[in-house]
N, C-alpha and C. Protein backbone atom coordinates (compact mmCIF):
# COMPACT_ATOMS: atom_id res chain seq x y z
N MET A 1 -5.65 5.16 -22.07
CA MET A 1 -6.62 4.66 -21.12
C MET A 1 -5.94 4.31 -19.80
N ILE A 2 -4.74 3.72 -19.87
CA ILE A 2 -4.01 3.40 -18.64
C ILE A 2 -3.66 4.68 -17.90
N SER A 3 -3.25 5.70 -18.62
CA SER A 3 -2.87 6.95 -17.95
C SER A 3 -4.07 7.58 -17.25
N CYS A 4 -5.26 7.49 -17.84
CA CYS A 4 -6.46 8.01 -17.19
C CYS A 4 -6.77 7.22 -15.92
N PHE A 5 -6.67 5.89 -16.01
CA PHE A 5 -6.94 5.03 -14.86
C PHE A 5 -5.93 5.30 -13.75
N GLN A 6 -4.65 5.41 -14.12
CA GLN A 6 -3.60 5.68 -13.15
C GLN A 6 -3.78 7.04 -12.52
N ALA A 7 -4.14 8.03 -13.31
CA ALA A 7 -4.35 9.37 -12.77
C ALA A 7 -5.54 9.39 -11.83
N PHE A 8 -6.59 8.67 -12.16
CA PHE A 8 -7.78 8.62 -11.31
C PHE A 8 -7.45 7.99 -9.97
N LEU A 9 -6.67 6.91 -9.97
CA LEU A 9 -6.38 6.20 -8.73
C LEU A 9 -5.32 6.88 -7.88
N SER A 10 -4.46 7.67 -8.49
CA SER A 10 -3.34 8.20 -7.72
C SER A 10 -3.42 9.70 -7.43
N THR A 11 -4.44 10.37 -7.90
CA THR A 11 -4.55 11.80 -7.68
C THR A 11 -5.70 12.09 -6.73
N ALA A 12 -5.43 12.87 -5.73
CA ALA A 12 -6.47 13.25 -4.78
C ALA A 12 -7.45 14.20 -5.47
N THR A 13 -8.74 13.94 -5.31
CA THR A 13 -9.74 14.80 -5.94
C THR A 13 -10.39 15.74 -4.92
N CYS A 14 -10.02 15.62 -3.67
CA CYS A 14 -10.50 16.55 -2.65
C CYS A 14 -9.36 16.71 -1.64
N ALA A 15 -9.61 17.47 -0.61
CA ALA A 15 -8.57 17.71 0.39
C ALA A 15 -8.15 16.40 1.06
N PRO A 16 -6.85 16.18 1.21
CA PRO A 16 -6.39 14.95 1.87
C PRO A 16 -6.69 14.99 3.36
N PRO A 17 -6.65 13.84 4.02
CA PRO A 17 -6.84 13.85 5.47
C PRO A 17 -5.77 14.72 6.11
N PRO A 18 -6.11 15.45 7.14
CA PRO A 18 -5.14 16.37 7.73
C PRO A 18 -3.98 15.64 8.40
N ARG A 19 -2.81 16.24 8.31
CA ARG A 19 -1.64 15.71 9.01
C ARG A 19 -1.81 15.99 10.50
N LEU A 20 -1.18 15.17 11.31
CA LEU A 20 -1.32 15.25 12.75
C LEU A 20 -0.89 16.62 13.28
N GLU A 21 0.18 17.17 12.72
CA GLU A 21 0.70 18.46 13.20
C GLU A 21 -0.28 19.61 12.96
N ARG A 22 -1.14 19.48 11.96
CA ARG A 22 -2.03 20.58 11.60
C ARG A 22 -3.37 20.54 12.31
N LEU A 23 -3.60 19.50 13.09
CA LEU A 23 -4.88 19.39 13.79
C LEU A 23 -4.91 20.29 15.01
N HIS A 24 -6.09 20.69 15.37
CA HIS A 24 -6.32 21.43 16.61
C HIS A 24 -5.90 20.52 17.76
N PRO A 25 -5.36 21.06 18.85
CA PRO A 25 -4.91 20.20 19.96
C PRO A 25 -5.99 19.24 20.48
N PHE A 26 -7.25 19.69 20.51
CA PHE A 26 -8.31 18.79 20.96
C PHE A 26 -8.49 17.63 19.98
N GLU A 27 -8.50 17.94 18.68
CA GLU A 27 -8.66 16.89 17.68
C GLU A 27 -7.46 15.94 17.68
N ARG A 28 -6.27 16.49 17.89
CA ARG A 28 -5.07 15.66 17.96
C ARG A 28 -5.15 14.70 19.15
N ALA A 29 -5.57 15.23 20.31
CA ALA A 29 -5.71 14.38 21.50
C ALA A 29 -6.77 13.31 21.26
N LEU A 30 -7.88 13.68 20.64
CA LEU A 30 -8.93 12.72 20.33
C LEU A 30 -8.41 11.62 19.40
N LEU A 31 -7.66 12.03 18.43
CA LEU A 31 -7.09 11.08 17.48
C LEU A 31 -6.13 10.12 18.18
N GLU A 32 -5.26 10.65 19.02
CA GLU A 32 -4.29 9.80 19.71
C GLU A 32 -4.95 8.87 20.72
N LEU A 33 -6.04 9.32 21.34
CA LEU A 33 -6.75 8.47 22.29
C LEU A 33 -7.58 7.40 21.58
N THR A 34 -8.14 7.76 20.43
CA THR A 34 -9.01 6.84 19.70
C THR A 34 -8.21 5.76 18.99
N LEU A 35 -7.14 6.17 18.36
CA LEU A 35 -6.29 5.23 17.61
C LEU A 35 -5.01 4.99 18.40
N ARG A 36 -4.33 3.93 18.07
CA ARG A 36 -3.05 3.66 18.72
C ARG A 36 -2.07 4.79 18.41
N ASP A 37 -1.14 4.98 19.31
CA ASP A 37 -0.14 6.04 19.16
C ASP A 37 0.67 5.80 17.89
N GLY A 38 0.70 6.77 17.01
CA GLY A 38 1.46 6.69 15.78
C GLY A 38 0.78 5.93 14.65
N HIS A 39 -0.36 5.32 14.93
CA HIS A 39 -1.05 4.52 13.92
C HIS A 39 -1.56 5.39 12.77
N TYR A 40 -2.10 6.54 13.09
CA TYR A 40 -2.66 7.43 12.07
C TYR A 40 -1.57 7.89 11.10
N ALA A 41 -0.46 8.36 11.62
CA ALA A 41 0.63 8.84 10.76
C ALA A 41 1.20 7.71 9.91
N ALA A 42 1.34 6.52 10.50
CA ALA A 42 1.87 5.39 9.74
C ALA A 42 0.90 4.97 8.64
N THR A 43 -0.39 5.00 8.95
CA THR A 43 -1.39 4.63 7.95
C THR A 43 -1.42 5.65 6.81
N LEU A 44 -1.35 6.93 7.13
CA LEU A 44 -1.29 7.95 6.08
C LEU A 44 -0.06 7.75 5.19
N HIS A 45 1.04 7.39 5.81
CA HIS A 45 2.27 7.15 5.05
C HIS A 45 2.09 5.95 4.11
N GLN A 46 1.47 4.88 4.60
CA GLN A 46 1.24 3.70 3.77
C GLN A 46 0.31 4.01 2.60
N VAL A 47 -0.74 4.79 2.86
CA VAL A 47 -1.66 5.16 1.79
C VAL A 47 -0.94 6.02 0.75
N ASP A 48 -0.08 6.91 1.20
CA ASP A 48 0.68 7.74 0.27
C ASP A 48 1.65 6.90 -0.56
N LEU A 49 2.29 5.91 0.06
CA LEU A 49 3.17 5.01 -0.70
C LEU A 49 2.38 4.21 -1.73
N LEU A 50 1.19 3.78 -1.36
CA LEU A 50 0.33 3.06 -2.30
C LEU A 50 -0.01 3.95 -3.50
N ARG A 51 -0.37 5.19 -3.21
CA ARG A 51 -0.70 6.14 -4.27
C ARG A 51 0.49 6.37 -5.20
N LYS A 52 1.67 6.55 -4.62
CA LYS A 52 2.87 6.79 -5.43
C LYS A 52 3.23 5.55 -6.24
N GLY A 53 3.04 4.37 -5.67
CA GLY A 53 3.32 3.14 -6.40
C GLY A 53 2.39 2.98 -7.59
N MET A 54 1.10 3.29 -7.39
CA MET A 54 0.15 3.22 -8.49
C MET A 54 0.53 4.22 -9.59
N LEU A 55 0.96 5.38 -9.18
CA LEU A 55 1.38 6.40 -10.13
C LEU A 55 2.58 5.91 -10.96
N GLY A 56 3.56 5.31 -10.29
CA GLY A 56 4.74 4.81 -10.99
C GLY A 56 4.41 3.69 -11.96
N ILE A 57 3.56 2.76 -11.52
CA ILE A 57 3.16 1.66 -12.40
C ILE A 57 2.44 2.21 -13.62
N GLY A 58 1.52 3.13 -13.40
CA GLY A 58 0.76 3.71 -14.51
C GLY A 58 1.64 4.44 -15.50
N LYS A 59 2.61 5.19 -15.01
CA LYS A 59 3.51 5.91 -15.91
C LYS A 59 4.36 4.94 -16.74
N GLY A 60 4.84 3.89 -16.08
CA GLY A 60 5.65 2.91 -16.79
C GLY A 60 4.86 2.20 -17.88
N LEU A 61 3.62 1.83 -17.55
CA LEU A 61 2.78 1.15 -18.53
C LEU A 61 2.38 2.07 -19.68
N THR A 62 2.14 3.31 -19.37
CA THR A 62 1.80 4.27 -20.41
C THR A 62 2.97 4.44 -21.38
N ALA A 63 4.18 4.50 -20.84
CA ALA A 63 5.36 4.62 -21.70
C ALA A 63 5.52 3.38 -22.57
N ARG A 64 5.31 2.20 -21.97
CA ARG A 64 5.41 0.96 -22.75
C ARG A 64 4.36 0.92 -23.85
N ALA A 65 3.13 1.33 -23.54
CA ALA A 65 2.05 1.32 -24.54
C ALA A 65 2.34 2.32 -25.66
N ALA A 66 2.94 3.45 -25.32
CA ALA A 66 3.26 4.46 -26.33
C ALA A 66 4.33 3.95 -27.30
N LYS A 67 5.21 3.07 -26.82
CA LYS A 67 6.28 2.53 -27.66
C LYS A 67 5.88 1.23 -28.36
N SER A 68 4.64 0.81 -28.18
CA SER A 68 4.21 -0.45 -28.78
C SER A 68 4.21 -0.34 -30.30
N ARG A 69 4.29 -1.50 -30.93
CA ARG A 69 4.41 -1.52 -32.39
C ARG A 69 3.06 -1.48 -33.10
N GLY A 70 2.01 -1.70 -32.37
CA GLY A 70 0.70 -1.69 -33.00
C GLY A 70 -0.41 -1.69 -31.97
N PRO A 71 -1.64 -1.55 -32.43
CA PRO A 71 -2.76 -1.48 -31.49
C PRO A 71 -2.97 -2.76 -30.69
N ARG A 72 -2.69 -3.90 -31.28
CA ARG A 72 -2.86 -5.16 -30.55
C ARG A 72 -1.89 -5.25 -29.38
N GLU A 73 -0.66 -4.87 -29.63
CA GLU A 73 0.33 -4.89 -28.56
C GLU A 73 -0.04 -3.89 -27.46
N ALA A 74 -0.55 -2.73 -27.86
CA ALA A 74 -0.98 -1.73 -26.88
C ALA A 74 -2.14 -2.25 -26.03
N VAL A 75 -3.08 -2.95 -26.65
CA VAL A 75 -4.20 -3.52 -25.91
C VAL A 75 -3.71 -4.59 -24.94
N THR A 76 -2.76 -5.39 -25.37
CA THR A 76 -2.18 -6.42 -24.50
C THR A 76 -1.49 -5.77 -23.30
N ILE A 77 -0.73 -4.72 -23.55
CA ILE A 77 -0.06 -4.00 -22.47
C ILE A 77 -1.09 -3.41 -21.52
N ARG A 78 -2.16 -2.85 -22.06
CA ARG A 78 -3.22 -2.27 -21.23
C ARG A 78 -3.84 -3.34 -20.32
N GLU A 79 -4.15 -4.49 -20.88
CA GLU A 79 -4.78 -5.55 -20.09
C GLU A 79 -3.83 -6.06 -19.00
N GLU A 80 -2.56 -6.24 -19.35
CA GLU A 80 -1.57 -6.64 -18.36
C GLU A 80 -1.42 -5.56 -17.29
N GLY A 81 -1.46 -4.31 -17.73
CA GLY A 81 -1.32 -3.19 -16.81
C GLY A 81 -2.45 -3.11 -15.81
N PHE A 82 -3.67 -3.31 -16.27
CA PHE A 82 -4.81 -3.29 -15.35
C PHE A 82 -4.66 -4.39 -14.30
N LYS A 83 -4.22 -5.57 -14.74
CA LYS A 83 -4.03 -6.67 -13.79
C LYS A 83 -2.93 -6.34 -12.79
N GLU A 84 -1.84 -5.75 -13.28
CA GLU A 84 -0.72 -5.39 -12.40
C GLU A 84 -1.14 -4.32 -11.39
N MET A 85 -1.86 -3.30 -11.86
CA MET A 85 -2.31 -2.24 -10.95
C MET A 85 -3.31 -2.78 -9.93
N GLU A 86 -4.18 -3.67 -10.37
CA GLU A 86 -5.16 -4.25 -9.45
C GLU A 86 -4.47 -5.09 -8.38
N SER A 87 -3.51 -5.90 -8.77
CA SER A 87 -2.81 -6.73 -7.77
C SER A 87 -1.99 -5.86 -6.82
N TYR A 88 -1.39 -4.78 -7.32
CA TYR A 88 -0.63 -3.86 -6.45
C TYR A 88 -1.57 -3.20 -5.45
N TYR A 89 -2.73 -2.76 -5.93
CA TYR A 89 -3.69 -2.12 -5.02
C TYR A 89 -4.17 -3.11 -3.97
N LYS A 90 -4.44 -4.33 -4.38
CA LYS A 90 -4.93 -5.33 -3.42
C LYS A 90 -3.90 -5.63 -2.34
N ARG A 91 -2.61 -5.60 -2.69
CA ARG A 91 -1.56 -5.81 -1.69
C ARG A 91 -1.52 -4.68 -0.67
N GLY A 92 -1.83 -3.46 -1.09
CA GLY A 92 -1.77 -2.31 -0.18
C GLY A 92 -3.12 -1.85 0.32
N GLN A 93 -4.17 -2.56 -0.03
CA GLN A 93 -5.52 -2.14 0.31
C GLN A 93 -5.75 -2.08 1.82
N HIS A 94 -4.99 -2.86 2.58
CA HIS A 94 -5.17 -2.86 4.03
C HIS A 94 -4.95 -1.47 4.62
N ALA A 95 -4.03 -0.70 4.04
CA ALA A 95 -3.77 0.66 4.54
C ALA A 95 -4.98 1.55 4.31
N VAL A 96 -5.60 1.42 3.16
CA VAL A 96 -6.79 2.21 2.86
C VAL A 96 -7.92 1.81 3.80
N ASP A 97 -8.07 0.50 4.02
CA ASP A 97 -9.11 0.02 4.93
C ASP A 97 -8.86 0.48 6.36
N ASP A 98 -7.59 0.46 6.80
CA ASP A 98 -7.25 0.94 8.14
C ASP A 98 -7.61 2.42 8.30
N LEU A 99 -7.36 3.21 7.27
CA LEU A 99 -7.69 4.63 7.35
C LEU A 99 -9.20 4.83 7.38
N LYS A 100 -9.94 4.02 6.63
CA LYS A 100 -11.41 4.11 6.66
C LYS A 100 -11.94 3.75 8.03
N VAL A 101 -11.45 2.65 8.61
CA VAL A 101 -11.92 2.20 9.92
C VAL A 101 -11.56 3.22 10.99
N GLY A 102 -10.34 3.73 10.94
CA GLY A 102 -9.93 4.74 11.92
C GLY A 102 -10.76 6.00 11.83
N SER A 103 -11.10 6.39 10.62
CA SER A 103 -11.88 7.62 10.46
C SER A 103 -13.31 7.44 10.97
N CYS A 104 -13.82 6.22 10.90
CA CYS A 104 -15.18 5.97 11.40
C CYS A 104 -15.26 6.06 12.92
N ARG A 105 -14.15 5.88 13.59
CA ARG A 105 -14.13 5.96 15.05
C ARG A 105 -14.08 7.40 15.56
N LEU A 106 -13.76 8.32 14.70
CA LEU A 106 -13.56 9.71 15.11
C LEU A 106 -14.84 10.52 14.94
N THR A 107 -14.70 11.80 15.11
CA THR A 107 -15.85 12.70 14.98
C THR A 107 -16.46 12.59 13.60
N PRO A 108 -17.77 12.83 13.47
CA PRO A 108 -18.43 12.68 12.17
C PRO A 108 -17.82 13.54 11.06
N GLY A 109 -17.46 14.75 11.34
CA GLY A 109 -16.90 15.62 10.30
C GLY A 109 -15.57 15.10 9.78
N PHE A 110 -14.70 14.69 10.68
CA PHE A 110 -13.41 14.16 10.30
C PHE A 110 -13.59 12.85 9.55
N SER A 111 -14.51 12.03 10.02
CA SER A 111 -14.79 10.76 9.37
C SER A 111 -15.30 10.97 7.95
N GLN A 112 -16.18 11.92 7.75
CA GLN A 112 -16.73 12.18 6.42
C GLN A 112 -15.65 12.70 5.48
N LEU A 113 -14.78 13.56 5.98
CA LEU A 113 -13.69 14.09 5.16
C LEU A 113 -12.78 12.96 4.69
N THR A 114 -12.36 12.10 5.61
CA THR A 114 -11.46 11.02 5.27
C THR A 114 -12.14 10.01 4.36
N SER A 115 -13.38 9.66 4.65
CA SER A 115 -14.09 8.69 3.81
C SER A 115 -14.30 9.22 2.41
N ARG A 116 -14.64 10.50 2.28
CA ARG A 116 -14.81 11.09 0.95
C ARG A 116 -13.49 11.10 0.19
N PHE A 117 -12.41 11.44 0.86
CA PHE A 117 -11.09 11.44 0.24
C PHE A 117 -10.76 10.05 -0.29
N LEU A 118 -10.97 9.02 0.54
CA LEU A 118 -10.62 7.67 0.13
C LEU A 118 -11.52 7.16 -0.98
N SER A 119 -12.82 7.46 -0.91
CA SER A 119 -13.71 6.95 -1.94
C SER A 119 -13.45 7.63 -3.28
N GLU A 120 -13.03 8.88 -3.26
CA GLU A 120 -12.75 9.57 -4.52
C GLU A 120 -11.35 9.26 -5.04
N THR A 121 -10.42 8.93 -4.15
CA THR A 121 -9.07 8.66 -4.58
C THR A 121 -8.88 7.20 -4.97
N PHE A 122 -9.42 6.29 -4.16
CA PHE A 122 -9.28 4.86 -4.42
C PHE A 122 -10.67 4.25 -4.52
N SER A 123 -11.21 4.22 -5.70
CA SER A 123 -12.54 3.59 -5.83
C SER A 123 -12.35 2.09 -5.84
N SER A 124 -13.14 1.42 -5.01
CA SER A 124 -13.02 -0.04 -4.91
C SER A 124 -14.05 -0.72 -5.75
């Protein structure tokens, strides 16, 4: 169950937001004018670190649960794991929120792509 939860939170289910280098020059200029210089790339990096951290926590907890001595211990590990993953996400949630807010300031198509990516990758 932890591995399913970890996979759901850390795996992109649609196309990720585009990297700055891959944008059309007009969209890149719009992005740089709308958001602070370098803010978009830094926010994408923070969201990626959050995703990788969730993945690492989930893998570690899954390994611990697999080595448990019985179902009660596995359930205890699962409950502790959910709390740990939730607290880790809450510490990094500001990056996800920053990306949502930034995407709302941009063109509707770009905003919808980013919002859909975030809602499917990090359900709140």
